C-alpha atoms as a PDB file:
ATOM      1  CA  MET A   1       0.528  -8.902 -18.492  1.00  0.00           C
ATOM      2  CA  ARG A   2      -2.956  -7.711 -18.561  1.00  0.00           C
ATOM      3  CA  ILE A   3      -3.668  -4.684 -17.205  1.00  0.00           C
ATOM      4  CA  LEU A   4      -6.654  -3.437 -15.184  1.00  0.00           C
ATOM      5  CA  HIS A   5      -7.647   0.189 -15.232  1.00  0.00           C
ATOM      6  CA  HIS A   6      -9.536   0.355 -12.282  1.00  0.00           C
ATOM      7  CA  LEU A   7     -10.912   3.251  -9.563  1.00  0.00           C
ATOM      8  CA  PRO A   8     -10.265   2.364  -5.866  1.00  0.00           C
ATOM      9  CA  LEU A   9     -13.568   2.958  -4.866  1.00  0.00           C
ATOM     10  CA  SER A  10     -14.931   0.853  -8.290  1.00  0.00           C
ATOM     11  CA  PRO A  11     -17.066  -1.670  -7.024  1.00  0.00           C
ATOM     12  CA  GLN A  12     -17.168  -2.716 -10.460  1.00  0.00           C
ATOM     13  CA  SER A  13     -13.841  -2.709 -10.195  1.00  0.00           C
ATOM     14  CA  ARG A  14     -13.346  -4.239  -6.731  1.00  0.00           C
ATOM     15  CA  PHE A  15     -15.923  -7.363  -8.626  1.00  0.00           C
ATOM     16  CA  VAL A  16     -13.362  -7.667 -11.303  1.00  0.00           C
ATOM     17  CA  ARG A  17     -10.509  -7.664  -9.400  1.00  0.00           C
ATOM     18  CA  LEU A  18     -12.107 -10.031  -6.658  1.00  0.00           C
ATOM     19  CA  MET A  19     -13.012 -12.199  -9.925  1.00  0.00           C
ATOM     20  CA  LEU A  20      -9.392 -12.514 -11.860  1.00  0.00           C
ATOM     21  CA  THR A  21      -7.952 -12.764  -8.281  1.00  0.00           C
ATOM     22  CA  GLU A  22      -9.492 -16.085  -7.621  1.00  0.00           C
ATOM     23  CA  LYS A  23      -9.441 -16.387 -10.814  1.00  0.00           C
ATOM     24  CA  GLY A  24      -5.719 -16.792  -9.996  1.00  0.00           C
ATOM     25  CA  LEU A  25      -4.634 -14.271 -12.820  1.00  0.00           C
ATOM     26  CA  PRO A  26      -2.155 -12.440 -12.495  1.00  0.00           C
ATOM     27  CA  PHE A  27      -2.619  -8.842 -13.138  1.00  0.00           C
ATOM     28  CA  GLU A  28      -0.881  -5.431 -12.409  1.00  0.00           C
ATOM     29  CA  LEU A  29      -3.906  -2.648 -11.832  1.00  0.00           C
ATOM     30  CA  VAL A  30      -3.892   1.252 -13.199  1.00  0.00           C
ATOM     31  CA  VAL A  31      -5.876   4.214 -11.409  1.00  0.00           C
ATOM     32  CA  GLU A  32      -8.275   6.107 -14.313  1.00  0.00           C
ATOM     33  CA  LYS A  33      -9.061   9.271 -13.354  1.00  0.00           C
ATOM     34  CA  THR A  34     -12.226   8.896 -15.573  1.00  0.00           C
ATOM     35  CA  TRP A  35     -12.791  12.361 -14.115  1.00  0.00           C
ATOM     36  CA  GLU A  36      -9.404  13.609 -16.616  1.00  0.00           C
ATOM     37  CA  GLN A  37     -11.751  12.688 -19.450  1.00  0.00           C
ATOM     38  CA  ASN A  38      -7.659  11.081 -21.512  1.00  0.00           C
ATOM     39  CA  GLU A  39      -8.099  10.188 -24.457  1.00  0.00           C
ATOM     40  CA  SER A  40      -5.711   7.410 -25.279  1.00  0.00           C
ATOM     41  CA  PHE A  41      -7.966   5.613 -22.381  1.00  0.00           C
ATOM     42  CA  HIS A  42     -11.810   6.299 -24.641  1.00  0.00           C
ATOM     43  CA  LYS A  43      -9.630   4.896 -27.006  1.00  0.00           C
ATOM     44  CA  LEU A  44      -9.861   1.544 -24.638  1.00  0.00           C
ATOM     45  CA  ASN A  45     -13.715   1.901 -23.609  1.00  0.00           C
ATOM     46  CA  PRO A  46     -15.964   4.939 -25.616  1.00  0.00           C
ATOM     47  CA  ALA A  47     -17.976   5.054 -22.501  1.00  0.00           C
ATOM     48  CA  GLY A  48     -15.026   6.481 -20.461  1.00  0.00           C
ATOM     49  CA  GLU A  49     -15.683   5.169 -18.106  1.00  0.00           C
ATOM     50  CA  VAL A  50     -13.641   1.592 -15.695  1.00  0.00           C
ATOM     51  CA  PRO A  51     -12.593  -0.667 -15.388  1.00  0.00           C
ATOM     52  CA  VAL A  52     -11.292  -2.142 -19.270  1.00  0.00           C
ATOM     53  CA  LEU A  53      -9.505  -4.481 -19.139  1.00  0.00           C
ATOM     54  CA  VAL A  54      -6.382  -5.023 -21.757  1.00  0.00           C
ATOM     55  CA  GLU A  55      -5.095  -9.132 -22.227  1.00  0.00           C
ATOM     56  CA  ASP A  56      -1.566  -9.170 -22.380  1.00  0.00           C
ATOM     57  CA  ASN A  57      -2.404 -10.191 -25.614  1.00  0.00           C
ATOM     58  CA  GLY A  58      -3.358  -7.129 -26.276  1.00  0.00           C
ATOM     59  CA  MET A  59      -7.537  -7.081 -25.944  1.00  0.00           C
ATOM     60  CA  VAL A  60      -9.339  -4.711 -25.102  1.00  0.00           C
ATOM     61  CA  VAL A  61     -12.738  -5.919 -22.628  1.00  0.00           C
ATOM     62  CA  PRO A  62     -14.376  -3.012 -20.955  1.00  0.00           C
ATOM     63  CA  GLY A  63     -17.501  -3.072 -18.052  1.00  0.00           C
ATOM     64  CA  SER A  64     -17.490  -5.359 -15.347  1.00  0.00           C
ATOM     65  CA  ARG A  65     -20.412  -7.545 -16.381  1.00  0.00           C
ATOM     66  CA  VAL A  66     -18.688  -8.096 -20.015  1.00  0.00           C
ATOM     67  CA  ILE A  67     -14.871  -8.815 -18.483  1.00  0.00           C
ATOM     68  CA  ALA A  68     -16.610 -11.010 -15.686  1.00  0.00           C
ATOM     69  CA  GLU A  69     -18.517 -13.117 -19.050  1.00  0.00           C
ATOM     70  CA  TYR A  70     -15.434 -12.341 -20.817  1.00  0.00           C
ATOM     71  CA  LEU A  71     -13.283 -14.156 -17.513  1.00  0.00           C
ATOM     72  CA  GLU A  72     -15.347 -17.877 -17.311  1.00  0.00           C
ATOM     73  CA  ASP A  73     -15.513 -17.976 -21.443  1.00  0.00           C
ATOM     74  CA  ALA A  74     -11.463 -18.051 -21.118  1.00  0.00           C
ATOM     75  CA  TYR A  75     -10.351 -19.021 -17.518  1.00  0.00           C
ATOM     76  CA  PRO A  76     -13.061 -21.442 -17.264  1.00  0.00           C
ATOM     77  CA  ASP A  77     -11.672 -23.888 -14.797  1.00  0.00           C
ATOM     78  CA  THR A  78     -13.115 -22.162 -11.432  1.00  0.00           C
ATOM     79  CA  PRO A  79     -16.515 -21.406 -12.271  1.00  0.00           C
ATOM     80  CA  LEU A  80     -17.398 -18.995 -10.856  1.00  0.00           C
ATOM     81  CA  LEU A  81     -21.130 -18.074 -12.831  1.00  0.00           C
ATOM     82  CA  GLY A  82     -22.372 -21.581 -12.168  1.00  0.00           C
ATOM     83  CA  ARG A  83     -22.440 -24.894 -13.082  1.00  0.00           C
ATOM     84  CA  THR A  84     -25.952 -25.721 -14.007  1.00  0.00           C
ATOM     85  CA  MET A  85     -28.532 -23.870 -15.761  1.00  0.00           C
ATOM     86  CA  GLY A  86     -30.493 -22.923 -12.167  1.00  0.00           C
ATOM     87  CA  GLU A  87     -26.761 -21.767 -10.852  1.00  0.00           C
ATOM     88  CA  ARG A  88     -25.958 -19.854 -13.547  1.00  0.00           C
ATOM     89  CA  VAL A  89     -29.770 -18.303 -14.063  1.00  0.00           C
ATOM     90  CA  GLU A  90     -30.068 -17.299 -10.235  1.00  0.00           C
ATOM     91  CA  ILE A  91     -26.285 -15.920 -10.540  1.00  0.00           C
ATOM     92  CA  ARG A  92     -26.606 -13.359 -13.526  1.00  0.00           C
ATOM     93  CA  ARG A  93     -29.679 -12.464 -11.672  1.00  0.00           C
ATOM     94  CA  LEU A  94     -28.411 -11.201  -8.766  1.00  0.00           C
ATOM     95  CA  VAL A  95     -25.268  -9.772 -10.225  1.00  0.00           C
ATOM     96  CA  ASP A  96     -27.789  -7.939 -11.856  1.00  0.00           C
ATOM     97  CA  TRP A  97     -29.291  -6.833  -8.395  1.00  0.00           C
ATOM     98  CA  PHE A  98     -26.746  -5.423  -7.754  1.00  0.00           C
ATOM     99  CA  GLU A  99     -25.361  -3.987 -10.371  1.00  0.00           C
ATOM    100  CA  ARG A 100     -28.290  -2.246 -11.336  1.00  0.00           C
ATOM    101  CA  LEU A 101     -30.572  -1.642  -8.403  1.00  0.00           C
ATOM    102  CA  PHE A 102     -28.285  -1.804  -5.525  1.00  0.00           C
ATOM    103  CA  GLN A 103     -25.937   0.521  -7.643  1.00  0.00           C
ATOM    104  CA  GLN A 104     -29.077   3.213  -8.512  1.00  0.00           C
ATOM    105  CA  GLU A 105     -30.559   3.085  -5.373  1.00  0.00           C
ATOM    106  CA  VAL A 106     -27.688   2.846  -2.847  1.00  0.00           C
ATOM    107  CA  THR A 107     -24.543   3.556  -4.677  1.00  0.00           C
ATOM    108  CA  VAL A 108     -24.059   6.532  -6.965  1.00  0.00           C
ATOM    109  CA  ASN A 109     -26.206   7.565  -3.552  1.00  0.00           C
ATOM    110  CA  LEU A 110     -24.191   7.270  -1.006  1.00  0.00           C
ATOM    111  CA  VAL A 111     -19.990   6.736  -2.855  1.00  0.00           C
ATOM    112  CA  GLY A 112     -21.779   8.710  -6.012  1.00  0.00           C
ATOM    113  CA  GLU A 113     -22.151  11.625  -3.298  1.00  0.00           C
ATOM    114  CA  LYS A 114     -19.407  11.962  -0.980  1.00  0.00           C
ATOM    115  CA  VAL A 115     -16.890  11.225  -3.024  1.00  0.00           C
ATOM    116  CA  GLU A 116     -17.272  11.601  -7.235  1.00  0.00           C
ATOM    117  CA  LYS A 117     -19.408  14.253  -6.603  1.00  0.00           C
ATOM    118  CA  ARG A 118     -15.809  15.371  -5.188  1.00  0.00           C
ATOM    119  CA  LEU A 119     -13.529  14.161  -7.570  1.00  0.00           C
ATOM    120  CA  PHE A 120     -15.873  15.235 -10.362  1.00  0.00           C
ATOM    121  CA  GLY A 121     -16.129  19.058  -8.903  1.00  0.00           C
ATOM    122  CA  GLN A 122     -19.602  18.547  -9.315  1.00  0.00           C
ATOM    123  CA  GLY A 123     -19.976  20.541  -5.124  1.00  0.00           C
ATOM    124  CA  HIS A 124     -20.948  18.843  -1.759  1.00  0.00           C
ATOM    125  CA  PRO A 125     -23.327  16.145  -1.623  1.00  0.00           C
ATOM    126  CA  ASP A 126     -26.635  16.563  -1.364  1.00  0.00           C
ATOM    127  CA  GLY A 127     -28.345  15.221   2.256  1.00  0.00           C
ATOM    128  CA  ASN A 128     -31.530  14.697   0.607  1.00  0.00           C
ATOM    129  CA  ILE A 129     -29.963  11.796  -1.942  1.00  0.00           C
ATOM    130  CA  LEU A 130     -27.794  10.503   0.859  1.00  0.00           C
ATOM    131  CA  GLN A 131     -31.046   9.937   3.255  1.00  0.00           C
ATOM    132  CA  ALA A 132     -32.603   8.518   0.752  1.00  0.00           C
ATOM    133  CA  GLY A 133     -29.498   6.193  -0.050  1.00  0.00           C
ATOM    134  CA  TYR A 134     -29.414   5.031   3.287  1.00  0.00           C
ATOM    135  CA  LYS A 135     -32.993   4.222   3.596  1.00  0.00           C
ATOM    136  CA  ASN A 136     -32.818   2.250   0.272  1.00  0.00           C
ATOM    137  CA  LEU A 137     -29.547   0.826   2.250  1.00  0.00           C
ATOM    138  CA  ARG A 138     -31.754  -1.038   4.914  1.00  0.00           C
ATOM    139  CA  PHE A 139     -33.387  -3.139   2.327  1.00  0.00           C
ATOM    140  CA  HIS A 140     -30.863  -4.530   0.994  1.00  0.00           C
ATOM    141  CA  LEU A 141     -29.515  -5.518   4.155  1.00  0.00           C
ATOM    142  CA  ASP A 142     -32.165  -7.241   4.696  1.00  0.00           C
ATOM    143  CA  TYR A 143     -32.207  -8.996   1.553  1.00  0.00           C
ATOM    144  CA  VAL A 144     -28.806  -9.833   1.071  1.00  0.00           C
ATOM    145  CA  GLY A 145     -29.538 -11.569   5.040  1.00  0.00           C
ATOM    146  CA  TYR A 146     -32.349 -13.646   4.059  1.00  0.00           C
ATOM    147  CA  LEU A 147     -29.656 -14.614   1.090  1.00  0.00           C
ATOM    148  CA  ALA A 148     -27.333 -14.898   3.933  1.00  0.00           C
ATOM    149  CA  GLU A 149     -29.646 -17.057   5.629  1.00  0.00           C
ATOM    150  CA  THR A 150     -30.788 -18.926   4.123  1.00  0.00           C
ATOM    151  CA  ARG A 151     -28.191 -20.444   1.764  1.00  0.00           C
ATOM    152  CA  THR A 152     -24.132 -21.288   2.313  1.00  0.00           C
ATOM    153  CA  TRP A 153     -23.376 -18.495  -0.112  1.00  0.00           C
ATOM    154  CA  LEU A 154     -25.361 -15.966  -2.159  1.00  0.00           C
ATOM    155  CA  GLY A 155     -26.084 -17.836  -4.950  1.00  0.00           C
ATOM    156  CA  GLY A 156     -26.386 -21.042  -3.870  1.00  0.00           C
ATOM    157  CA  ALA A 157     -24.618 -23.856  -2.482  1.00  0.00           C
ATOM    158  CA  THR A 158     -20.605 -22.648  -3.784  1.00  0.00           C
ATOM    159  CA  LEU A 159     -19.151 -19.509  -4.069  1.00  0.00           C
ATOM    160  CA  SER A 160     -19.991 -17.632  -6.864  1.00  0.00           C
ATOM    161  CA  ALA A 161     -19.756 -14.073  -8.742  1.00  0.00           C
ATOM    162  CA  ALA A 162     -23.044 -13.181  -6.574  1.00  0.00           C
ATOM    163  CA  ASP A 163     -20.911 -13.710  -3.682  1.00  0.00           C
ATOM    164  CA  PHE A 164     -18.014 -10.911  -4.682  1.00  0.00           C
ATOM    165  CA  ILE A 165     -20.505  -8.590  -6.654  1.00  0.00           C
ATOM    166  CA  ALA A 166     -22.489  -7.818  -2.948  1.00  0.00           C
ATOM    167  CA  ALA A 167     -18.644  -8.017  -1.520  1.00  0.00           C
ATOM    168  CA  SER A 168     -17.155  -4.796  -3.850  1.00  0.00           C
ATOM    169  CA  HIS A 169     -20.221  -3.410  -3.276  1.00  0.00           C
ATOM    170  CA  LEU A 170     -20.539  -3.218   0.219  1.00  0.00           C
ATOM    171  CA  SER A 171     -16.596  -2.708   0.468  1.00  0.00           C
ATOM    172  CA  ALA A 172     -17.149   0.143  -0.848  1.00  0.00           C
ATOM    173  CA  LEU A 173     -19.379   1.631   1.077  1.00  0.00           C
ATOM    174  CA  ASP A 174     -17.449   0.445   4.574  1.00  0.00           C
ATOM    175  CA  PHE A 175     -14.679   2.296   3.350  1.00  0.00           C
ATOM    176  CA  LEU A 176     -16.734   5.370   4.266  1.00  0.00           C
ATOM    177  CA  GLY A 177     -18.081   4.084   7.650  1.00  0.00           C
ATOM    178  CA  ASP A 178     -21.769   4.034   6.133  1.00  0.00           C
ATOM    179  CA  ILE A 179     -22.547   0.541   7.272  1.00  0.00           C
ATOM    180  CA  ASP A 180     -24.028  -0.805  10.903  1.00  0.00           C
ATOM    181  CA  TRP A 181     -22.637  -4.475  10.804  1.00  0.00           C
ATOM    182  CA  ARG A 182     -24.835  -4.390  14.422  1.00  0.00           C
ATOM    183  CA  ALA A 183     -27.907  -4.102  12.784  1.00  0.00           C
ATOM    184  CA  ALA A 184     -27.490  -6.510  10.273  1.00  0.00           C
ATOM    185  CA  PRO A 185     -26.007  -9.705  11.279  1.00  0.00           C
ATOM    186  CA  CYS A 186     -25.887 -12.435   9.298  1.00  0.00           C
ATOM    187  CA  VAL A 187     -24.442 -10.025   6.516  1.00  0.00           C
ATOM    188  CA  ARG A 188     -22.049  -9.559   8.212  1.00  0.00           C
ATOM    189  CA  ASP A 189     -21.061 -12.946   9.564  1.00  0.00           C
ATOM    190  CA  TRP A 190     -20.996 -13.994   5.463  1.00  0.00           C
ATOM    191  CA  TYR A 191     -19.415 -10.467   4.540  1.00  0.00           C
ATOM    192  CA  ALA A 192     -16.133 -11.894   7.054  1.00  0.00           C
ATOM    193  CA  ARG A 193     -16.102 -15.021   5.460  1.00  0.00           C
ATOM    194  CA  ILE A 194     -15.985 -12.529   1.933  1.00  0.00           C
ATOM    195  CA  LYS A 195     -13.574 -10.168   3.709  1.00  0.00           C
ATOM    196  CA  SER A 196     -11.695 -13.758   4.774  1.00  0.00           C
ATOM    197  CA  ARG A 197     -10.613 -14.884   1.601  1.00  0.00           C
ATOM    198  CA  PRO A 198      -7.169 -14.226   0.078  1.00  0.00           C
ATOM    199  CA  CYS A 199      -8.530 -12.882  -3.258  1.00  0.00           C
ATOM    200  CA  PHE A 200      -9.682  -9.406  -0.580  1.00  0.00           C
ATOM    201  CA  ARG A 201      -6.071  -8.700   0.546  1.00  0.00           C
ATOM    202  CA  ASP A 202      -5.512  -5.874  -1.893  1.00  0.00           C
ATOM    203  CA  LEU A 203      -9.304  -3.867  -1.107  1.00  0.00           C
ATOM    204  CA  LEU A 204      -8.639  -4.079   2.487  1.00  0.00           C
ATOM    205  CA  SER A 205      -5.356  -2.422   1.731  1.00  0.00           C
ATOM    206  CA  ASP A 206      -7.062   0.267  -0.977  1.00  0.00           C
ATOM    207  CA  ARG A 207      -6.435   3.869   0.277  1.00  0.00           C
ATOM    208  CA  VAL A 208      -8.066   6.737  -1.112  1.00  0.00           C
ATOM    209  CA  SER A 209      -6.799  10.624  -1.210  1.00  0.00           C
ATOM    210  CA  GLY A 210      -9.305  12.954   1.108  1.00  0.00           C
ATOM    211  CA  VAL A 211     -11.066   9.669   2.962  1.00  0.00           C
ATOM    212  CA  THR A 212      -9.793   7.619   5.903  1.00  0.00           C
ATOM    213  CA  PRO A 213     -11.517   4.241   6.403  1.00  0.00           C
ATOM    214  CA  PRO A 214     -12.936   3.206  10.110  1.00  0.00           C
ATOM    215  CA  ALA A 215     -10.605   1.101  11.333  1.00  0.00           C
ATOM    216  CA  HIS A 216     -12.705  -1.994  10.926  1.00  0.00           C
ATOM    217  CA  TYR A 217     -12.269  -2.232   7.917  1.00  0.00           C
ATOM    218  CA  ALA A 218      -9.257  -4.191   6.938  1.00  0.00           C
ATOM    219  CA  ASP A 219      -9.773  -6.334  10.539  1.00  0.00           C
ATOM    220  CA  LEU A 220     -11.287  -9.674   9.609  1.00  0.00           C
ATOM    221  CA  ASP A 221     -12.496  -9.803  13.166  1.00  0.00           C
ATOM    222  CA  PHE A 222     -14.662  -7.167  13.033  1.00  0.00           C
END
């Protein structure tokens, strides 16, 4: 059985979980407490970061984008990174947008301050950093809303990794109650479609010690 080393609120881990499940690939989850600096985990990924996928043949694939590319190459029957050259470029552009810009401007400022600081013993959230995260979130929600309003799916005509990476980051924020869906109706309608897919069910049942998600987090009709 393949194993995915992950953290429940890591958007990168959530992204890989969605990719694996949508492709119909069974796997087992292992929660990796990266702040404990586990030596055996560092042998799998010297960067000490999740996610890390270990195939049943022992192959180790570290990092969300590396894993996504690997899954697309190794299991192409359900393509999630595009079929045409234009689709492949646009989907990868959006994956990069969320893994780089959204991660730096929103996720680190909100999930990092509220959750990771506590886990790593780095003190209390910084109000200025939180304020910057919320301000940046409004801009990013406007952009996602534009994509959702003008396209069938975020990356184009078909469901893709672009939808899964966006939903991974937004679901982590939603777990913390940080999204006002009333202010972003187009994003809410798109997210409701993603949230209703079978691959999303396990994410909705995630629980994290010390954090209680809002009631609507697991509600498909939110």
